[in-house]
PDB file of all heavy atoms in Angstrom:
ATOM      1  N   ALA A   1     -14.056  15.657  -0.378  1.00  0.00           N
ATOM      2  CA  ALA A   1     -12.795  16.360  -0.129  1.00  0.00           C
ATOM      3  C   ALA A   1     -11.912  15.587   0.775  1.00  0.00           C
ATOM      4  O   ALA A   1     -10.657  15.494   0.499  1.00  0.00           O
ATOM      5  CB  ALA A   1     -13.088  17.744   0.428  1.00  0.00           C
ATOM      6  N   VAL A   2     -12.364  14.908   1.811  1.00  0.00           N
ATOM      7  CA  VAL A   2     -11.563  14.137   2.666  1.00  0.00           C
ATOM      8  C   VAL A   2     -11.003  12.912   1.928  1.00  0.00           C
ATOM      9  O   VAL A   2      -9.807  12.602   2.109  1.00  0.00           O
ATOM     10  CB  VAL A   2     -12.424  13.745   3.928  1.00  0.00           C
ATOM     11  CG1 VAL A   2     -11.589  12.739   4.682  1.00  0.00           C
ATOM     12  CG2 VAL A   2     -12.732  14.944   4.767  1.00  0.00           C
ATOM     13  N   ILE A   3     -11.772  12.302   1.011  1.00  0.00           N
ATOM     14  CA  ILE A   3     -11.368  11.116   0.316  1.00  0.00           C
ATOM     15  C   ILE A   3     -10.251  11.551  -0.676  1.00  0.00           C
ATOM     16  O   ILE A   3      -9.263  10.850  -0.818  1.00  0.00           O
ATOM     17  CB  ILE A   3     -12.592  10.498  -0.351  1.00  0.00           C
ATOM     18  CG1 ILE A   3     -13.514   9.877   0.534  1.00  0.00           C
ATOM     19  CG2 ILE A   3     -12.080   9.471  -1.485  1.00  0.00           C
ATOM     20  CD1 ILE A   3     -14.868   9.324  -0.095  1.00  0.00           C
ATOM     21  N   LEU A   4     -10.398  12.672  -1.336  1.00  0.00           N
ATOM     22  CA  LEU A   4      -9.337  13.112  -2.180  1.00  0.00           C
ATOM     23  C   LEU A   4      -8.138  13.496  -1.504  1.00  0.00           C
ATOM     24  O   LEU A   4      -6.937  13.207  -1.884  1.00  0.00           O
ATOM     25  CB  LEU A   4      -9.892  14.352  -2.939  1.00  0.00           C
ATOM     26  CG  LEU A   4     -10.964  14.113  -4.038  1.00  0.00           C
ATOM     27  CD1 LEU A   4     -11.358  15.485  -4.640  1.00  0.00           C
ATOM     28  CD2 LEU A   4     -10.413  13.259  -5.148  1.00  0.00           C
ATOM     29  N   LEU A   5      -8.272  14.087  -0.248  1.00  0.00           N
ATOM     30  CA  LEU A   5      -7.118  14.330   0.626  1.00  0.00           C
ATOM     31  C   LEU A   5      -6.381  13.137   1.015  1.00  0.00           C
ATOM     32  O   LEU A   5      -5.139  13.052   0.961  1.00  0.00           O
ATOM     33  CB  LEU A   5      -7.519  15.128   1.773  1.00  0.00           C
ATOM     34  CG  LEU A   5      -6.391  15.471   2.787  1.00  0.00           C
ATOM     35  CD1 LEU A   5      -5.385  16.455   2.057  1.00  0.00           C
ATOM     36  CD2 LEU A   5      -6.943  16.202   4.046  1.00  0.00           C
ATOM     37  N   VAL A   6      -7.119  12.108   1.357  1.00  0.00           N
ATOM     38  CA  VAL A   6      -6.477  10.819   1.623  1.00  0.00           C
ATOM     39  C   VAL A   6      -5.717  10.259   0.499  1.00  0.00           C
ATOM     40  O   VAL A   6      -4.693   9.621   0.595  1.00  0.00           O
ATOM     41  CB  VAL A   6      -7.490   9.836   2.270  1.00  0.00           C
ATOM     42  CG1 VAL A   6      -6.938   8.400   2.385  1.00  0.00           C
ATOM     43  CG2 VAL A   6      -8.064  10.360   3.555  1.00  0.00           C
ATOM     44  N   ALA A   7      -6.322  10.306  -0.671  1.00  0.00           N
ATOM     45  CA  ALA A   7      -5.819   9.882  -1.943  1.00  0.00           C
ATOM     46  C   ALA A   7      -4.414  10.576  -2.242  1.00  0.00           C
ATOM     47  O   ALA A   7      -3.447   9.991  -2.741  1.00  0.00           O
ATOM     48  CB  ALA A   7      -6.731   9.905  -3.065  1.00  0.00           C
ATOM     49  N   ILE A   8      -4.380  11.843  -2.036  1.00  0.00           N
ATOM     50  CA  ILE A   8      -3.299  12.653  -2.289  1.00  0.00           C
ATOM     51  C   ILE A   8      -2.092  12.299  -1.324  1.00  0.00           C
ATOM     52  O   ILE A   8      -0.985  12.053  -1.651  1.00  0.00           O
ATOM     53  CB  ILE A   8      -3.508  14.141  -2.122  1.00  0.00           C
ATOM     54  CG1 ILE A   8      -4.428  14.601  -3.234  1.00  0.00           C
ATOM     55  CG2 ILE A   8      -2.285  14.986  -2.102  1.00  0.00           C
ATOM     56  CD1 ILE A   8      -4.887  16.025  -3.181  1.00  0.00           C
ATOM     57  N   ILE A   9      -2.501  12.107   0.007  1.00  0.00           N
ATOM     58  CA  ILE A   9      -1.488  11.642   0.957  1.00  0.00           C
ATOM     59  C   ILE A   9      -0.974  10.287   0.620  1.00  0.00           C
ATOM     60  O   ILE A   9       0.309   9.965   0.759  1.00  0.00           O
ATOM     61  CB  ILE A   9      -2.096  11.717   2.384  1.00  0.00           C
ATOM     62  CG1 ILE A   9      -2.445  13.226   2.682  1.00  0.00           C
ATOM     63  CG2 ILE A   9      -1.123  11.161   3.405  1.00  0.00           C
ATOM     64  CD1 ILE A   9      -3.152  13.372   4.068  1.00  0.00           C
ATOM     65  N   ALA A  10      -1.742   9.434   0.250  1.00  0.00           N
ATOM     66  CA  ALA A  10      -1.301   7.925  -0.064  1.00  0.00           C
ATOM     67  C   ALA A  10      -0.422   8.071  -1.361  1.00  0.00           C
ATOM     68  O   ALA A  10       0.567   7.294  -1.324  1.00  0.00           O
ATOM     69  CB  ALA A  10      -2.603   7.215  -0.290  1.00  0.00           C
ATOM     70  N   ALA A  11      -0.713   8.893  -2.321  1.00  0.00           N
ATOM     71  CA  ALA A  11       0.048   8.977  -3.486  1.00  0.00           C
ATOM     72  C   ALA A  11       1.383   9.560  -3.120  1.00  0.00           C
ATOM     73  O   ALA A  11       2.501   8.942  -3.598  1.00  0.00           O
ATOM     74  CB  ALA A  11      -0.543   9.816  -4.564  1.00  0.00           C
ATOM     75  N   ILE A  12       1.513  10.520  -2.315  1.00  0.00           N
ATOM     76  CA  ILE A  12       2.830  11.071  -1.881  1.00  0.00           C
ATOM     77  C   ILE A  12       3.561  10.062  -0.988  1.00  0.00           C
ATOM     78  O   ILE A  12       4.797   9.999  -1.227  1.00  0.00           O
ATOM     79  CB  ILE A  12       2.558  12.368  -1.066  1.00  0.00           C
ATOM     80  CG1 ILE A  12       1.992  13.527  -1.965  1.00  0.00           C
ATOM     81  CG2 ILE A  12       3.843  12.918  -0.400  1.00  0.00           C
ATOM     82  CD1 ILE A  12       1.600  14.777  -1.178  1.00  0.00           C
ATOM     83  N   ALA A  13       2.895   9.348  -0.171  1.00  0.00           N
ATOM     84  CA  ALA A  13       3.526   8.297   0.643  1.00  0.00           C
ATOM     85  C   ALA A  13       4.137   7.246  -0.205  1.00  0.00           C
ATOM     86  O   ALA A  13       5.268   6.759   0.081  1.00  0.00           O
ATOM     87  CB  ALA A  13       2.614   7.715   1.734  1.00  0.00           C
ATOM     88  N   LEU A  14       3.450   6.759  -1.256  1.00  0.00           N
ATOM     89  CA  LEU A  14       3.966   5.753  -2.149  1.00  0.00           C
ATOM     90  C   LEU A  14       5.177   6.254  -3.045  1.00  0.00           C
ATOM     91  O   LEU A  14       6.049   5.495  -3.228  1.00  0.00           O
ATOM     92  CB  LEU A  14       2.890   5.219  -3.059  1.00  0.00           C
ATOM     93  CG  LEU A  14       1.687   4.461  -2.349  1.00  0.00           C
ATOM     94  CD1 LEU A  14       0.628   4.093  -3.296  1.00  0.00           C
ATOM     95  CD2 LEU A  14       2.280   3.099  -1.859  1.00  0.00           C
ATOM     96  N   THR A  15       5.127   7.536  -3.331  1.00  0.00           N
ATOM     97  CA  THR A  15       6.162   8.116  -4.288  1.00  0.00           C
ATOM     98  C   THR A  15       7.436   8.294  -3.417  1.00  0.00           C
ATOM     99  O   THR A  15       8.519   8.071  -3.824  1.00  0.00           O
ATOM    100  CB  THR A  15       5.655   9.299  -4.901  1.00  0.00           C
ATOM    101  OG1 THR A  15       4.416   9.061  -5.553  1.00  0.00           O
ATOM    102  CG2 THR A  15       6.646   9.871  -5.847  1.00  0.00           C
ATOM    103  N   MET A  16       7.316   8.812  -2.185  1.00  0.00           N
ATOM    104  CA  MET A  16       8.499   9.210  -1.291  1.00  0.00           C
ATOM    105  C   MET A  16       8.922   8.121  -0.396  1.00  0.00           C
ATOM    106  O   MET A  16       9.877   8.470   0.420  1.00  0.00           O
ATOM    107  CB  MET A  16       8.026  10.414  -0.487  1.00  0.00           C
ATOM    108  CG  MET A  16       7.566  11.599  -1.145  1.00  0.00           C
ATOM    109  SD  MET A  16       8.843  12.305  -2.304  1.00  0.00           S
ATOM    110  CE  MET A  16      10.001  12.896  -1.155  1.00  0.00           C
ATOM    111  N   ARG A  17       8.595   6.916  -0.625  1.00  0.00           N
ATOM    112  CA  ARG A  17       9.122   5.839   0.240  1.00  0.00           C
ATOM    113  C   ARG A  17      10.648   5.673  -0.097  1.00  0.00           C
ATOM    114  O   ARG A  17      11.008   5.816  -1.236  1.00  0.00           O
ATOM    115  CB  ARG A  17       8.346   4.530   0.138  1.00  0.00           C
ATOM    116  CG  ARG A  17       8.372   4.059  -1.356  1.00  0.00           C
ATOM    117  CD  ARG A  17       7.553   2.803  -1.467  1.00  0.00           C
ATOM    118  NE  ARG A  17       7.340   2.304  -2.805  1.00  0.00           N
ATOM    119  CZ  ARG A  17       6.648   1.291  -3.185  1.00  0.00           C
ATOM    120  NH1 ARG A  17       6.015   0.593  -2.196  1.00  0.00           N
ATOM    121  NH2 ARG A  17       6.688   0.872  -4.477  1.00  0.00           N
ATOM    122  N   LYS A  18      11.456   5.153   0.792  1.00  0.00           N
ATOM    123  CA  LYS A  18      12.886   5.054   0.615  1.00  0.00           C
ATOM    124  C   LYS A  18      13.204   3.873  -0.205  1.00  0.00           C
ATOM    125  O   LYS A  18      12.770   2.668   0.098  1.00  0.00           O
ATOM    126  CB  LYS A  18      13.538   5.076   2.036  1.00  0.00           C
ATOM    127  CG  LYS A  18      13.447   6.386   2.756  1.00  0.00           C
ATOM    128  CD  LYS A  18      14.182   6.269   4.079  1.00  0.00           C
ATOM    129  CE  LYS A  18      14.094   7.571   4.801  1.00  0.00           C
ATOM    130  NZ  LYS A  18      14.877   7.459   6.185  1.00  0.00           N
ATOM    131  N   ARG A  19      14.005   4.086  -1.224  1.00  0.00           N
ATOM    132  CA  ARG A  19      14.529   2.869  -2.033  1.00  0.00           C
ATOM    133  C   ARG A  19      16.108   3.129  -2.046  1.00  0.00           C
ATOM    134  O   ARG A  19      16.530   3.818  -2.912  1.00  0.00           O
ATOM    135  CB  ARG A  19      13.987   3.087  -3.424  1.00  0.00           C
ATOM    136  CG  ARG A  19      12.380   2.816  -3.440  1.00  0.00           C
ATOM    137  CD  ARG A  19      11.964   2.815  -4.876  1.00  0.00           C
ATOM    138  NE  ARG A  19      10.539   2.776  -4.952  1.00  0.00           N
ATOM    139  CZ  ARG A  19       9.733   3.678  -5.604  1.00  0.00           C
ATOM    140  NH1 ARG A  19      10.294   4.623  -6.194  1.00  0.00           N
ATOM    141  NH2 ARG A  19       8.420   3.436  -5.646  1.00  0.00           N
ATOM    142  N   PRO A  20      16.737   2.514  -1.098  1.00  0.00           N
ATOM    143  CA  PRO A  20      18.152   2.733  -1.036  1.00  0.00           C
ATOM    144  C   PRO A  20      18.873   2.307  -2.309  1.00  0.00           C
ATOM    145  O   PRO A  20      19.944   2.735  -2.698  1.00  0.00           O
ATOM    146  CB  PRO A  20      18.703   1.890   0.130  1.00  0.00           C
ATOM    147  CG  PRO A  20      17.393   1.520   0.878  1.00  0.00           C
ATOM    148  CD  PRO A  20      16.189   1.637  -0.064  1.00  0.00           C
ATOM    149  N   GLU A  21      18.441   1.273  -2.993  1.00  0.00           N
ATOM    150  CA  GLU A  21      19.138   0.757  -4.166  1.00  0.00           C
ATOM    151  C   GLU A  21      19.052   1.657  -5.437  1.00  0.00           C
ATOM    152  O   GLU A  21      19.775   1.591  -6.216  1.00  0.00           O
ATOM    153  CB  GLU A  21      18.656  -0.738  -4.442  1.00  0.00           C
ATOM    154  CG  GLU A  21      17.135  -0.717  -5.074  1.00  0.00           C
ATOM    155  CD  GLU A  21      16.168  -0.753  -3.898  1.00  0.00           C
ATOM    156  OE1 GLU A  21      16.530  -0.601  -2.726  1.00  0.00           O
ATOM    157  OE2 GLU A  21      14.963  -0.799  -4.176  1.00  0.00           O
ATOM    158  N   THR A  22      17.847   2.476  -5.477  1.00  0.00           N
ATOM    159  CA  THR A  22      17.735   3.325  -6.620  1.00  0.00           C
ATOM    160  C   THR A  22      17.713   4.741  -6.342  1.00  0.00           C
ATOM    161  O   THR A  22      17.963   5.586  -7.253  1.00  0.00           O
ATOM    162  CB  THR A  22      16.400   2.933  -7.304  1.00  0.00           C
ATOM    163  OG1 THR A  22      15.300   3.168  -6.301  1.00  0.00           O
ATOM    164  CG2 THR A  22      16.322   1.543  -7.783  1.00  0.00           C
ATOM    165  N   THR A  23      17.593   5.196  -5.118  1.00  0.00           N
ATOM    166  CA  THR A  23      17.448   6.572  -4.754  1.00  0.00           C
ATOM    167  C   THR A  23      18.852   7.047  -4.189  1.00  0.00           C
ATOM    168  O   THR A  23      19.377   6.477  -3.363  1.00  0.00           O
ATOM    169  CB  THR A  23      16.309   6.798  -3.675  1.00  0.00           C
ATOM    170  OG1 THR A  23      15.188   6.196  -4.197  1.00  0.00           O
ATOM    171  CG2 THR A  23      16.178   8.368  -3.487  1.00  0.00           C
ATOM    172  N   LYS A  24      19.216   8.284  -4.723  1.00  0.00           N
ATOM    173  CA  LYS A  24      20.438   9.023  -4.321  1.00  0.00           C
ATOM    174  C   LYS A  24      20.063  10.202  -3.485  1.00  0.00           C
ATOM    175  O   LYS A  24      19.266  10.923  -4.032  1.00  0.00           O
ATOM    176  CB  LYS A  24      21.288   9.310  -5.480  1.00  0.00           C
ATOM    177  CG  LYS A  24      21.897   8.112  -6.228  1.00  0.00           C
ATOM    178  CD  LYS A  24      22.790   8.516  -7.333  1.00  0.00           C
ATOM    179  CE  LYS A  24      23.335   7.283  -8.116  1.00  0.00           C
ATOM    180  NZ  LYS A  24      24.187   7.685  -9.219  1.00  0.00           N
ATOM    181  N   TYR A  25      20.599  10.268  -2.317  1.00  0.00           N
ATOM    182  CA  TYR A  25      20.274  11.382  -1.440  1.00  0.00           C
ATOM    183  C   TYR A  25      21.443  12.418  -1.379  1.00  0.00           C
ATOM    184  O   TYR A  25      22.625  11.904  -1.397  1.00  0.00           O
ATOM    185  CB  TYR A  25      19.885  10.899  -0.051  1.00  0.00           C
ATOM    186  CG  TYR A  25      18.660  10.035  -0.093  1.00  0.00           C
ATOM    187  CD1 TYR A  25      18.729   8.716  -0.087  1.00  0.00           C
ATOM    188  CD2 TYR A  25      17.371  10.687  -0.061  1.00  0.00           C
ATOM    189  CE1 TYR A  25      17.597   7.928  -0.035  1.00  0.00           C
ATOM    190  CE2 TYR A  25      16.212   9.863  -0.029  1.00  0.00           C
ATOM    191  CZ  TYR A  25      16.324   8.429  -0.092  1.00  0.00           C
ATOM    192  OH  TYR A  25      15.202   7.744  -0.012  1.00  0.00           O
ATOM    193  N   GLN A  26      21.250  13.578  -1.171  1.00  0.00           N
ATOM    194  CA  GLN A  26      22.209  14.686  -0.991  1.00  0.00           C
ATOM    195  C   GLN A  26      22.118  15.269   0.389  1.00  0.00           C
ATOM    196  O   GLN A  26      21.030  15.557   0.894  1.00  0.00           O
ATOM    197  CB  GLN A  26      22.089  15.761  -2.111  1.00  0.00           C
ATOM    198  CG  GLN A  26      22.415  15.211  -3.496  1.00  0.00           C
ATOM    199  CD  GLN A  26      22.226  16.333  -4.547  1.00  0.00           C
ATOM    200  OE1 GLN A  26      21.708  17.416  -4.191  1.00  0.00           O
ATOM    201  NE2 GLN A  26      22.618  16.067  -5.767  1.00  0.00           N
ATOM    202  N   ASP A  27      23.187  15.567   0.967  1.00  0.00           N
ATOM    203  CA  ASP A  27      23.292  16.291   2.166  1.00  0.00           C
ATOM    204  C   ASP A  27      23.853  17.651   1.975  1.00  0.00           C
ATOM    205  O   ASP A  27      24.997  17.848   1.720  1.00  0.00           O
ATOM    206  CB  ASP A  27      24.235  15.487   3.223  1.00  0.00           C
ATOM    207  CG  ASP A  27      24.142  15.979   4.571  1.00  0.00           C
ATOM    208  OD1 ASP A  27      23.423  17.024   4.805  1.00  0.00           O
ATOM    209  OD2 ASP A  27      24.823  15.454   5.500  1.00  0.00           O
ATOM    210  N   PRO A  28      22.994  18.645   2.070  1.00  0.00           N
ATOM    211  CA  PRO A  28      23.317  20.064   1.808  1.00  0.00           C
ATOM    212  C   PRO A  28      24.448  20.506   2.825  1.00  0.00           C
ATOM    213  O   PRO A  28      25.407  21.271   2.360  1.00  0.00           O
ATOM    214  CB  PRO A  28      22.131  20.820   1.995  1.00  0.00           C
ATOM    215  CG  PRO A  28      21.098  19.878   1.745  1.00  0.00           C
ATOM    216  CD  PRO A  28      21.534  18.632   2.255  1.00  0.00           C
ATOM    217  N   ALA A  29      24.495  20.027   4.028  1.00  0.00           N
ATOM    218  CA  ALA A  29      25.466  20.395   4.980  1.00  0.00           C
ATOM    219  C   ALA A  29      26.838  20.005   4.571  1.00  0.00           C
ATOM    220  O   ALA A  29      27.828  20.673   4.570  1.00  0.00           O
ATOM    221  CB  ALA A  29      25.128  19.859   6.402  1.00  0.00           C
ATOM    222  N   GLN A  30      26.950  18.723   4.082  1.00  0.00           N
ATOM    223  CA  GLN A  30      28.219  18.289   3.546  1.00  0.00           C
ATOM    224  C   GLN A  30      28.684  18.939   2.282  1.00  0.00           C
ATOM    225  O   GLN A  30      29.858  19.147   1.998  1.00  0.00           O
ATOM    226  CB  GLN A  30      28.163  16.743   3.299  1.00  0.00           C
ATOM    227  CG  GLN A  30      27.831  15.881   4.576  1.00  0.00           C
ATOM    228  CD  GLN A  30      29.123  15.948   5.421  1.00  0.00           C
ATOM    229  OE1 GLN A  30      30.221  16.071   5.010  1.00  0.00           O
ATOM    230  NE2 GLN A  30      28.723  15.953   6.764  1.00  0.00           N
ATOM    231  N   GLN A  31      27.718  19.345   1.473  1.00  0.00           N
ATOM    232  CA  GLN A  31      28.094  20.076   0.180  1.00  0.00           C
ATOM    233  C   GLN A  31      28.704  21.424   0.478  1.00  0.00           C
ATOM    234  O   GLN A  31      29.610  21.949  -0.206  1.00  0.00           O
ATOM    235  CB  GLN A  31      26.843  20.183  -0.697  1.00  0.00           C
ATOM    236  CG  GLN A  31      26.394  18.807  -1.274  1.00  0.00           C
ATOM    237  CD  GLN A  31      25.127  19.040  -2.205  1.00  0.00           C
ATOM    238  OE1 GLN A  31      24.375  19.847  -1.944  1.00  0.00           O
ATOM    239  NE2 GLN A  31      25.073  18.132  -3.160  1.00  0.00           N
ATOM    240  N   VAL A  32      28.117  22.059   1.501  1.00  0.00           N
ATOM    241  CA  VAL A  32      28.601  23.407   1.911  1.00  0.00           C
ATOM    242  C   VAL A  32      30.088  23.316   2.449  1.00  0.00           C
ATOM    243  O   VAL A  32      30.891  24.226   2.191  1.00  0.00           O
ATOM    244  CB  VAL A  32      27.568  24.094   2.795  1.00  0.00           C
ATOM    245  CG1 VAL A  32      28.219  25.377   3.427  1.00  0.00           C
ATOM    246  CG2 VAL A  32      26.336  24.367   2.195  1.00  0.00           C
ATOM    247  N   LEU A  33      30.297  22.312   3.158  1.00  0.00           N
ATOM    248  CA  LEU A  33      31.676  22.211   3.832  1.00  0.00           C
ATOM    249  C   LEU A  33      32.788  21.607   2.900  1.00  0.00           C
ATOM    250  O   LEU A  33      33.849  21.428   3.360  1.00  0.00           O
ATOM    251  CB  LEU A  33      31.460  21.249   5.025  1.00  0.00           C
ATOM    252  CG  LEU A  33      30.551  21.855   6.250  1.00  0.00           C
ATOM    253  CD1 LEU A  33      30.483  20.708   7.348  1.00  0.00           C
ATOM    254  CD2 LEU A  33      31.191  23.177   6.696  1.00  0.00           C
ATOM    255  N   VAL A  34      32.441  21.382   1.645  1.00  0.00           N
ATOM    256  CA  VAL A  34      33.414  20.791   0.776  1.00  0.00           C
ATOM    257  C   VAL A  34      34.593  21.754   0.527  1.00  0.00           C
ATOM    258  O   VAL A  34      34.379  22.975   0.462  1.00  0.00           O
ATOM    259  CB  VAL A  34      32.723  20.358  -0.555  1.00  0.00           C
ATOM    260  CG1 VAL A  34      32.375  21.582  -1.371  1.00  0.00           C
ATOM    261  CG2 VAL A  34      33.552  19.431  -1.283  1.00  0.00           C
ATOM    262  N   LYS A  35      35.788  21.125   0.320  1.00  0.00           N
ATOM    263  CA  LYS A  35      36.922  21.997   0.058  1.00  0.00           C
ATOM    264  C   LYS A  35      37.480  21.692  -1.323  1.00  0.00           C
ATOM    265  O   LYS A  35      37.153  20.655  -1.927  1.00  0.00           O
ATOM    266  CB  LYS A  35      38.099  21.701   1.165  1.00  0.00           C
ATOM    267  CG  LYS A  35      37.526  22.074   2.533  1.00  0.00           C
ATOM    268  CD  LYS A  35      38.681  21.669   3.513  1.00  0.00           C
ATOM    269  CE  LYS A  35      38.282  22.069   4.926  1.00  0.00           C
ATOM    270  NZ  LYS A  35      39.249  21.645   5.961  1.00  0.00           N
TER     271      LYS A  35
END
């Protein structure tokens, strides 16, 4: 179970790493304040 948990965390970390050139981020605070 611990090995599977480590594998899940590693997969999430590899998937969620920042790629500025390909990933587009949204700021909900800026979207709410739009006019």
